[in-house]
Amino acid sequence: MGALVQATIGGIALVLWLLIFARLLLSWVDPTGRTPVAAFLVSMTEWLLGPVRRMLPQAGMFDFSGLLVLLVLGAVMRAFL
């Protein structure tokens, strides 16, 4: 695989990782998500977190979809960067 393709995939994975991490941190501070920053983060990450959330079994009030996606993206970044 070419270096440009590897760098592109790794870069996209890094940006997604940062957005999801920011969303997870913001959910502790602003759980209702009423700020413009929270709305932006939800709009940028829900396409990835939503399907994962539906596939995972219910864990009470905890949502492990973000953690799972962060782990997978971390593996992708290690493979491509």
PDB file of N, CA and C in Angstrom:
ATOM      1  N   MET A   1       0.849  -1.169   0.000  1.00  0.00           N
ATOM      2  CA  MET A   1       0.000   0.000   0.000  1.00  0.00           C
ATOM      3  C   MET A   1       0.895   1.232   0.000  1.00  0.00           C
ATOM      4  N   GLY A   2       0.490   2.231  -0.742  1.00  0.00           N
ATOM      5  CA  GLY A   2       1.293   3.427  -0.856  1.00  0.00           C
ATOM      6  C   GLY A   2       1.338   4.239   0.418  1.00  0.00           C
ATOM      7  N   ALA A   3       2.409   4.996   0.529  1.00  0.00           N
ATOM      8  CA  ALA A   3       2.598   5.813   1.732  1.00  0.00           C
ATOM      9  C   ALA A   3       1.509   6.871   1.861  1.00  0.00           C
ATOM     10  N   LEU A   4       1.055   7.417   0.721  1.00  0.00           N
ATOM     11  CA  LEU A   4       0.016   8.442   0.764  1.00  0.00           C
ATOM     12  C   LEU A   4      -1.311   7.856   1.258  1.00  0.00           C
ATOM     13  N   VAL A   5      -1.646   6.660   0.812  1.00  0.00           N
ATOM     14  CA  VAL A   5      -2.880   6.010   1.251  1.00  0.00           C
ATOM     15  C   VAL A   5      -2.794   5.678   2.735  1.00  0.00           C
ATOM     16  N   GLN A   6      -1.656   5.173   3.175  1.00  0.00           N
ATOM     17  CA  GLN A   6      -1.474   4.861   4.601  1.00  0.00           C
ATOM     18  C   GLN A   6      -1.604   6.113   5.455  1.00  0.00           C
ATOM     19  N   ALA A   7      -0.981   7.194   5.025  1.00  0.00           N
ATOM     20  CA  ALA A   7      -1.051   8.437   5.792  1.00  0.00           C
ATOM     21  C   ALA A   7      -2.470   8.993   5.820  1.00  0.00           C
ATOM     22  N   THR A   8      -3.198   8.855   4.724  1.00  0.00           N
ATOM     23  CA  THR A   8      -4.572   9.345   4.658  1.00  0.00           C
ATOM     24  C   THR A   8      -5.479   8.552   5.599  1.00  0.00           C
ATOM     25  N   ILE A   9      -5.392   7.230   5.548  1.00  0.00           N
ATOM     26  CA  ILE A   9      -6.216   6.391   6.423  1.00  0.00           C
ATOM     27  C   ILE A   9      -5.856   6.641   7.883  1.00  0.00           C
ATOM     28  N   GLY A  10      -4.582   6.717   8.183  1.00  0.00           N
ATOM     29  CA  GLY A  10      -4.146   7.000   9.548  1.00  0.00           C
ATOM     30  C   GLY A  10      -4.599   8.364  10.021  1.00  0.00           C
ATOM     31  N   GLY A  11      -4.545   9.358   9.148  1.00  0.00           N
ATOM     32  CA  GLY A  11      -4.976  10.710   9.499  1.00  0.00           C
ATOM     33  C   GLY A  11      -6.467  10.796   9.758  1.00  0.00           C
ATOM     34  N   ILE A  12      -7.257  10.116   8.921  1.00  0.00           N
ATOM     35  CA  ILE A  12      -8.707  10.093   9.125  1.00  0.00           C
ATOM     36  C   ILE A  12      -9.037   9.398  10.445  1.00  0.00           C
ATOM     37  N   ALA A  13      -8.356   8.284  10.724  1.00  0.00           N
ATOM     38  CA  ALA A  13      -8.580   7.568  11.983  1.00  0.00           C
ATOM     39  C   ALA A  13      -8.223   8.452  13.172  1.00  0.00           C
ATOM     40  N   LEU A  14      -7.147   9.218  13.067  1.00  0.00           N
ATOM     41  CA  LEU A  14      -6.740  10.108  14.151  1.00  0.00           C
ATOM     42  C   LEU A  14      -7.772  11.208  14.391  1.00  0.00           C
ATOM     43  N   VAL A  15      -8.264  11.819  13.326  1.00  0.00           N
ATOM     44  CA  VAL A  15      -9.272  12.877  13.468  1.00  0.00           C
ATOM     45  C   VAL A  15     -10.548  12.312  14.090  1.00  0.00           C
ATOM     46  N   LEU A  16     -10.994  11.140  13.631  1.00  0.00           N
ATOM     47  CA  LEU A  16     -12.178  10.514  14.228  1.00  0.00           C
ATOM     48  C   LEU A  16     -11.948  10.181  15.695  1.00  0.00           C
ATOM     49  N   TRP A  17     -10.768   9.686  16.020  1.00  0.00           N
ATOM     50  CA  TRP A  17     -10.446   9.351  17.409  1.00  0.00           C
ATOM     51  C   TRP A  17     -10.548  10.596  18.287  1.00  0.00           C
ATOM     52  N   LEU A  18      -9.979  11.695  17.816  1.00  0.00           N
ATOM     53  CA  LEU A  18     -10.022  12.940  18.591  1.00  0.00           C
ATOM     54  C   LEU A  18     -11.451  13.453  18.760  1.00  0.00           C
ATOM     55  N   LEU A  19     -12.266  13.386  17.697  1.00  0.00           N
ATOM     56  CA  LEU A  19     -13.651  13.844  17.789  1.00  0.00           C
ATOM     57  C   LEU A  19     -14.454  13.001  18.771  1.00  0.00           C
ATOM     58  N   ILE A  20     -14.284  11.681  18.715  1.00  0.00           N
ATOM     59  CA  ILE A  20     -15.029  10.806  19.617  1.00  0.00           C
ATOM     60  C   ILE A  20     -14.552  10.989  21.054  1.00  0.00           C
ATOM     61  N   PHE A  21     -13.246  11.130  21.246  1.00  0.00           N
ATOM     62  CA  PHE A  21     -12.713  11.362  22.584  1.00  0.00           C
ATOM     63  C   PHE A  21     -13.261  12.669  23.152  1.00  0.00           C
ATOM     64  N   ALA A  22     -13.298  13.714  22.329  1.00  0.00           N
ATOM     65  CA  ALA A  22     -13.844  14.999  22.781  1.00  0.00           C
ATOM     66  C   ALA A  22     -15.324  14.856  23.134  1.00  0.00           C
ATOM     67  N   ARG A  23     -16.054  14.069  22.340  1.00  0.00           N
ATOM     68  CA  ARG A  23     -17.471  13.861  22.642  1.00  0.00           C
ATOM     69  C   ARG A  23     -17.656  13.127  23.965  1.00  0.00           C
ATOM     70  N   LEU A  24     -16.828  12.128  24.214  1.00  0.00           N
ATOM     71  CA  LEU A  24     -16.932  11.397  25.468  1.00  0.00           C
ATOM     72  C   LEU A  24     -16.607  12.292  26.665  1.00  0.00           C
ATOM     73  N   LEU A  25     -15.582  13.115  26.538  1.00  0.00           N
ATOM     74  CA  LEU A  25     -15.244  14.038  27.626  1.00  0.00           C
ATOM     75  C   LEU A  25     -16.343  15.072  27.843  1.00  0.00           C
ATOM     76  N   LEU A  26     -16.887  15.577  26.751  1.00  0.00           N
ATOM     77  CA  LEU A  26     -17.933  16.587  26.855  1.00  0.00           C
ATOM     78  C   LEU A  26     -19.209  16.011  27.460  1.00  0.00           C
ATOM     79  N   SER A  27     -19.443  14.713  27.270  1.00  0.00           N
ATOM     80  CA  SER A  27     -20.650  14.107  27.848  1.00  0.00           C
ATOM     81  C   SER A  27     -20.604  14.106  29.370  1.00  0.00           C
ATOM     82  N   TRP A  28     -19.434  14.207  29.955  1.00  0.00           N
ATOM     83  CA  TRP A  28     -19.325  14.302  31.416  1.00  0.00           C
ATOM     84  C   TRP A  28     -19.650  15.709  31.890  1.00  0.00           C
ATOM     85  N   VAL A  29     -19.284  16.705  31.088  1.00  0.00           N
ATOM     86  CA  VAL A  29     -19.475  18.100  31.466  1.00  0.00           C
ATOM     87  C   VAL A  29     -20.867  18.593  31.086  1.00  0.00           C
ATOM     88  N   ASP A  30     -21.307  18.250  29.879  1.00  0.00           N
ATOM     89  CA  ASP A  30     -22.600  18.702  29.355  1.00  0.00           C
ATOM     90  C   ASP A  30     -23.381  17.489  28.853  1.00  0.00           C
ATOM     91  N   PRO A  31     -23.968  16.700  29.749  1.00  0.00           N
ATOM     92  CA  PRO A  31     -24.630  15.463  29.320  1.00  0.00           C
ATOM     93  C   PRO A  31     -25.858  15.683  28.447  1.00  0.00           C
ATOM     94  N   THR A  32     -26.468  16.852  28.517  1.00  0.00           N
ATOM     95  CA  THR A  32     -27.641  17.106  27.679  1.00  0.00           C
ATOM     96  C   THR A  32     -27.255  17.472  26.256  1.00  0.00           C
ATOM     97  N   GLY A  33     -26.041  17.955  26.051  1.00  0.00           N
ATOM     98  CA  GLY A  33     -25.557  18.288  24.715  1.00  0.00           C
ATOM     99  C   GLY A  33     -26.238  19.486  24.096  1.00  0.00           C
ATOM    100  N   ARG A  34     -26.471  20.511  24.877  1.00  0.00           N
ATOM    101  CA  ARG A  34     -27.177  21.686  24.371  1.00  0.00           C
ATOM    102  C   ARG A  34     -26.261  22.764  23.808  1.00  0.00           C
ATOM    103  N   THR A  35     -24.961  22.619  23.967  1.00  0.00           N
ATOM    104  CA  THR A  35     -24.044  23.648  23.465  1.00  0.00           C
ATOM    105  C   THR A  35     -23.761  23.422  21.986  1.00  0.00           C
ATOM    106  N   PRO A  36     -23.335  24.461  21.282  1.00  0.00           N
ATOM    107  CA  PRO A  36     -22.995  24.296  19.866  1.00  0.00           C
ATOM    108  C   PRO A  36     -21.835  23.309  19.648  1.00  0.00           C
ATOM    109  N   VAL A  37     -20.893  23.268  20.579  1.00  0.00           N
ATOM    110  CA  VAL A  37     -19.776  22.324  20.457  1.00  0.00           C
ATOM    111  C   VAL A  37     -20.286  20.894  20.543  1.00  0.00           C
ATOM    112  N   ALA A  38     -21.190  20.643  21.489  1.00  0.00           N
ATOM    113  CA  ALA A  38     -21.748  19.299  21.633  1.00  0.00           C
ATOM    114  C   ALA A  38     -22.549  18.913  20.396  1.00  0.00           C
ATOM    115  N   ALA A  39     -23.306  19.832  19.850  1.00  0.00           N
ATOM    116  CA  ALA A  39     -24.085  19.549  18.642  1.00  0.00           C
ATOM    117  C   ALA A  39     -23.162  19.222  17.471  1.00  0.00           C
ATOM    118  N   PHE A  40     -22.067  19.946  17.354  1.00  0.00           N
ATOM    119  CA  PHE A  40     -21.096  19.672  16.295  1.00  0.00           C
ATOM    120  C   PHE A  40     -20.484  18.283  16.466  1.00  0.00           C
ATOM    121  N   LEU A  41     -20.074  17.952  17.688  1.00  0.00           N
ATOM    122  CA  LEU A  41     -19.448  16.655  17.932  1.00  0.00           C
ATOM    123  C   LEU A  41     -20.427  15.508  17.684  1.00  0.00           C
ATOM    124  N   VAL A  42     -21.666  15.685  18.076  1.00  0.00           N
ATOM    125  CA  VAL A  42     -22.672  14.646  17.824  1.00  0.00           C
ATOM    126  C   VAL A  42     -22.882  14.478  16.327  1.00  0.00           C
ATOM    127  N   SER A  43     -22.986  15.578  15.601  1.00  0.00           N
ATOM    128  CA  SER A  43     -23.219  15.480  14.159  1.00  0.00           C
ATOM    129  C   SER A  43     -22.039  14.854  13.426  1.00  0.00           C
ATOM    130  N   MET A  44     -20.840  15.016  13.943  1.00  0.00           N
ATOM    131  CA  MET A  44     -19.653  14.467  13.279  1.00  0.00           C
ATOM    132  C   MET A  44     -19.382  13.009  13.654  1.00  0.00           C
ATOM    133  N   THR A  45     -19.931  12.518  14.755  1.00  0.00           N
ATOM    134  CA  THR A  45     -19.575  11.175  15.225  1.00  0.00           C
ATOM    135  C   THR A  45     -20.733  10.201  15.306  1.00  0.00           C
ATOM    136  N   GLU A  46     -21.960  10.679  15.256  1.00  0.00           N
ATOM    137  CA  GLU A  46     -23.110   9.777  15.452  1.00  0.00           C
ATOM    138  C   GLU A  46     -23.221   8.743  14.334  1.00  0.00           C
ATOM    139  N   TRP A  47     -22.791   9.070  13.125  1.00  0.00           N
ATOM    140  CA  TRP A  47     -22.847   8.104  12.028  1.00  0.00           C
ATOM    141  C   TRP A  47     -22.008   6.861  12.320  1.00  0.00           C
ATOM    142  N   LEU A  48     -20.992   7.005  13.155  1.00  0.00           N
ATOM    143  CA  LEU A  48     -20.133   5.881  13.506  1.00  0.00           C
ATOM    144  C   LEU A  48     -20.561   5.242  14.829  1.00  0.00           C
ATOM    145  N   LEU A  49     -20.941   6.044  15.790  1.00  0.00           N
ATOM    146  CA  LEU A  49     -21.302   5.512  17.104  1.00  0.00           C
ATOM    147  C   LEU A  49     -22.696   4.878  17.131  1.00  0.00           C
ATOM    148  N   GLY A  50     -23.622   5.391  16.358  1.00  0.00           N
ATOM    149  CA  GLY A  50     -24.992   4.886  16.363  1.00  0.00           C
ATOM    150  C   GLY A  50     -25.099   3.410  16.015  1.00  0.00           C
ATOM    151  N   PRO A  51     -24.541   2.964  14.888  1.00  0.00           N
ATOM    152  CA  PRO A  51     -24.620   1.535  14.549  1.00  0.00           C
ATOM    153  C   PRO A  51     -23.911   0.641  15.563  1.00  0.00           C
ATOM    154  N   VAL A  52     -22.798   1.115  16.111  1.00  0.00           N
ATOM    155  CA  VAL A  52     -22.078   0.321  17.117  1.00  0.00           C
ATOM    156  C   VAL A  52     -22.926   0.211  18.377  1.00  0.00           C
ATOM    157  N   ARG A  53     -23.585   1.296  18.767  1.00  0.00           N
ATOM    158  CA  ARG A  53     -24.441   1.303  19.954  1.00  0.00           C
ATOM    159  C   ARG A  53     -25.593   0.314  19.798  1.00  0.00           C
ATOM    160  N   ARG A  54     -26.161   0.221  18.581  1.00  0.00           N
ATOM    161  CA  ARG A  54     -27.264  -0.703  18.352  1.00  0.00           C
ATOM    162  C   ARG A  54     -26.806  -2.162  18.367  1.00  0.00           C
ATOM    163  N   MET A  55     -25.553  -2.432  18.006  1.00  0.00           N
ATOM    164  CA  MET A  55     -25.046  -3.807  17.985  1.00  0.00           C
ATOM    165  C   MET A  55     -24.662  -4.306  19.372  1.00  0.00           C
ATOM    166  N   LEU A  56     -24.269  -3.410  20.262  1.00  0.00           N
ATOM    167  CA  LEU A  56     -23.850  -3.817  21.603  1.00  0.00           C
ATOM    168  C   LEU A  56     -25.059  -4.107  22.484  1.00  0.00           C
ATOM    169  N   PRO A  57     -24.932  -5.058  23.402  1.00  0.00           N
ATOM    170  CA  PRO A  57     -26.041  -5.309  24.329  1.00  0.00           C
ATOM    171  C   PRO A  57     -26.176  -4.153  25.320  1.00  0.00           C
ATOM    172  N   GLN A  58     -27.358  -3.999  25.865  1.00  0.00           N
ATOM    173  CA  GLN A  58     -27.613  -2.949  26.853  1.00  0.00           C
ATOM    174  C   GLN A  58     -26.779  -3.198  28.101  1.00  0.00           C
ATOM    175  N   ALA A  59     -26.178  -2.142  28.625  1.00  0.00           N
ATOM    176  CA  ALA A  59     -25.364  -2.239  29.836  1.00  0.00           C
ATOM    177  C   ALA A  59     -25.868  -1.243  30.874  1.00  0.00           C
ATOM    178  N   GLY A  60     -27.151  -1.223  31.062  1.00  0.00           N
ATOM    179  CA  GLY A  60     -27.725  -0.278  32.016  1.00  0.00           C
ATOM    180  C   GLY A  60     -27.629   1.138  31.488  1.00  0.00           C
ATOM    181  N   MET A  61     -27.132   2.038  32.298  1.00  0.00           N
ATOM    182  CA  MET A  61     -27.023   3.428  31.877  1.00  0.00           C
ATOM    183  C   MET A  61     -25.694   3.734  31.192  1.00  0.00           C
ATOM    184  N   PHE A  62     -24.833   2.743  31.046  1.00  0.00           N
ATOM    185  CA  PHE A  62     -23.520   2.956  30.447  1.00  0.00           C
ATOM    186  C   PHE A  62     -23.566   2.708  28.947  1.00  0.00           C
ATOM    187  N   ASP A  63     -22.857   3.543  28.215  1.00  0.00           N
ATOM    188  CA  ASP A  63     -22.755   3.411  26.763  1.00  0.00           C
ATOM    189  C   ASP A  63     -21.292   3.118  26.423  1.00  0.00           C
ATOM    190  N   PHE A  64     -21.028   1.891  26.033  1.00  0.00           N
ATOM    191  CA  PHE A  64     -19.657   1.483  25.748  1.00  0.00           C
ATOM    192  C   PHE A  64     -19.296   1.611  24.272  1.00  0.00           C
ATOM    193  N   SER A  65     -20.182   2.151  23.450  1.00  0.00           N
ATOM    194  CA  SER A  65     -19.899   2.249  22.023  1.00  0.00           C
ATOM    195  C   SER A  65     -18.696   3.157  21.750  1.00  0.00           C
ATOM    196  N   GLY A  66     -18.594   4.261  22.478  1.00  0.00           N
ATOM    197  CA  GLY A  66     -17.461   5.171  22.277  1.00  0.00           C
ATOM    198  C   GLY A  66     -16.140   4.519  22.619  1.00  0.00           C
ATOM    199  N   LEU A  67     -16.110   3.779  23.708  1.00  0.00           N
ATOM    200  CA  LEU A  67     -14.893   3.086  24.114  1.00  0.00           C
ATOM    201  C   LEU A  67     -14.484   2.044  23.073  1.00  0.00           C
ATOM    202  N   LEU A  68     -15.455   1.286  22.583  1.00  0.00           N
ATOM    203  CA  LEU A  68     -15.157   0.269  21.579  1.00  0.00           C
ATOM    204  C   LEU A  68     -14.627   0.894  20.291  1.00  0.00           C
ATOM    205  N   VAL A  69     -15.249   1.971  19.853  1.00  0.00           N
ATOM    206  CA  VAL A  69     -14.799   2.640  18.628  1.00  0.00           C
ATOM    207  C   VAL A  69     -13.409   3.237  18.829  1.00  0.00           C
ATOM    208  N   LEU A  70     -13.139   3.802  20.002  1.00  0.00           N
ATOM    209  CA  LEU A  70     -11.802   4.338  20.268  1.00  0.00           C
ATOM    210  C   LEU A  70     -10.742   3.234  20.223  1.00  0.00           C
ATOM    211  N   LEU A  71     -11.052   2.074  20.753  1.00  0.00           N
ATOM    212  CA  LEU A  71     -10.102   0.956  20.709  1.00  0.00           C
ATOM    213  C   LEU A  71      -9.843   0.503  19.275  1.00  0.00           C
ATOM    214  N   VAL A  72     -10.887   0.397  18.475  1.00  0.00           N
ATOM    215  CA  VAL A  72     -10.723  -0.025  17.079  1.00  0.00           C
ATOM    216  C   VAL A  72      -9.937   1.032  16.306  1.00  0.00           C
ATOM    217  N   LEU A  73     -10.273   2.291  16.494  1.00  0.00           N
ATOM    218  CA  LEU A  73      -9.540   3.356  15.797  1.00  0.00           C
ATOM    219  C   LEU A  73      -8.084   3.418  16.230  1.00  0.00           C
ATOM    220  N   GLY A  74      -7.827   3.143  17.500  1.00  0.00           N
ATOM    221  CA  GLY A  74      -6.442   3.076  17.974  1.00  0.00           C
ATOM    222  C   GLY A  74      -5.665   1.975  17.278  1.00  0.00           C
ATOM    223  N   ALA A  75      -6.300   0.827  17.069  1.00  0.00           N
ATOM    224  CA  ALA A  75      -5.651  -0.268  16.341  1.00  0.00           C
ATOM    225  C   ALA A  75      -5.402   0.113  14.894  1.00  0.00           C
ATOM    226  N   VAL A  76      -6.353   0.809  14.282  1.00  0.00           N
ATOM    227  CA  VAL A  76      -6.183   1.253  12.890  1.00  0.00           C
ATOM    228  C   VAL A  76      -5.024   2.245  12.803  1.00  0.00           C
ATOM    229  N   MET A  77      -4.953   3.165  13.760  1.00  0.00           N
ATOM    230  CA  MET A  77      -3.865   4.146  13.740  1.00  0.00           C
ATOM    231  C   MET A  77      -2.510   3.457  13.904  1.00  0.00           C
ATOM    232  N   ARG A  78      -2.422   2.462  14.773  1.00  0.00           N
ATOM    233  CA  ARG A  78      -1.159   1.729  14.952  1.00  0.00           C
ATOM    234  C   ARG A  78      -0.764   0.995  13.677  1.00  0.00           C
ATOM    235  N   ALA A  79      -1.745   0.492  12.959  1.00  0.00           N
ATOM    236  CA  ALA A  79      -1.457  -0.254  11.740  1.00  0.00           C
ATOM    237  C   ALA A  79      -1.028   0.650  10.589  1.00  0.00           C
ATOM    238  N   PHE A  80      -1.578   1.860  10.531  1.00  0.00           N
ATOM    239  CA  PHE A  80      -1.342   2.717   9.382  1.00  0.00           C
ATOM    240  C   PHE A  80      -0.396   3.883   9.635  1.00  0.00           C
ATOM    241  N   LEU A  81      -0.089   4.205  10.873  1.00  0.00           N
ATOM    242  CA  LEU A  81       0.823   5.334  11.120  1.00  0.00           C
ATOM    243  C   LEU A  81       2.148   4.860  11.651  1.00  0.00           C
TER     244      LEU A  81
END
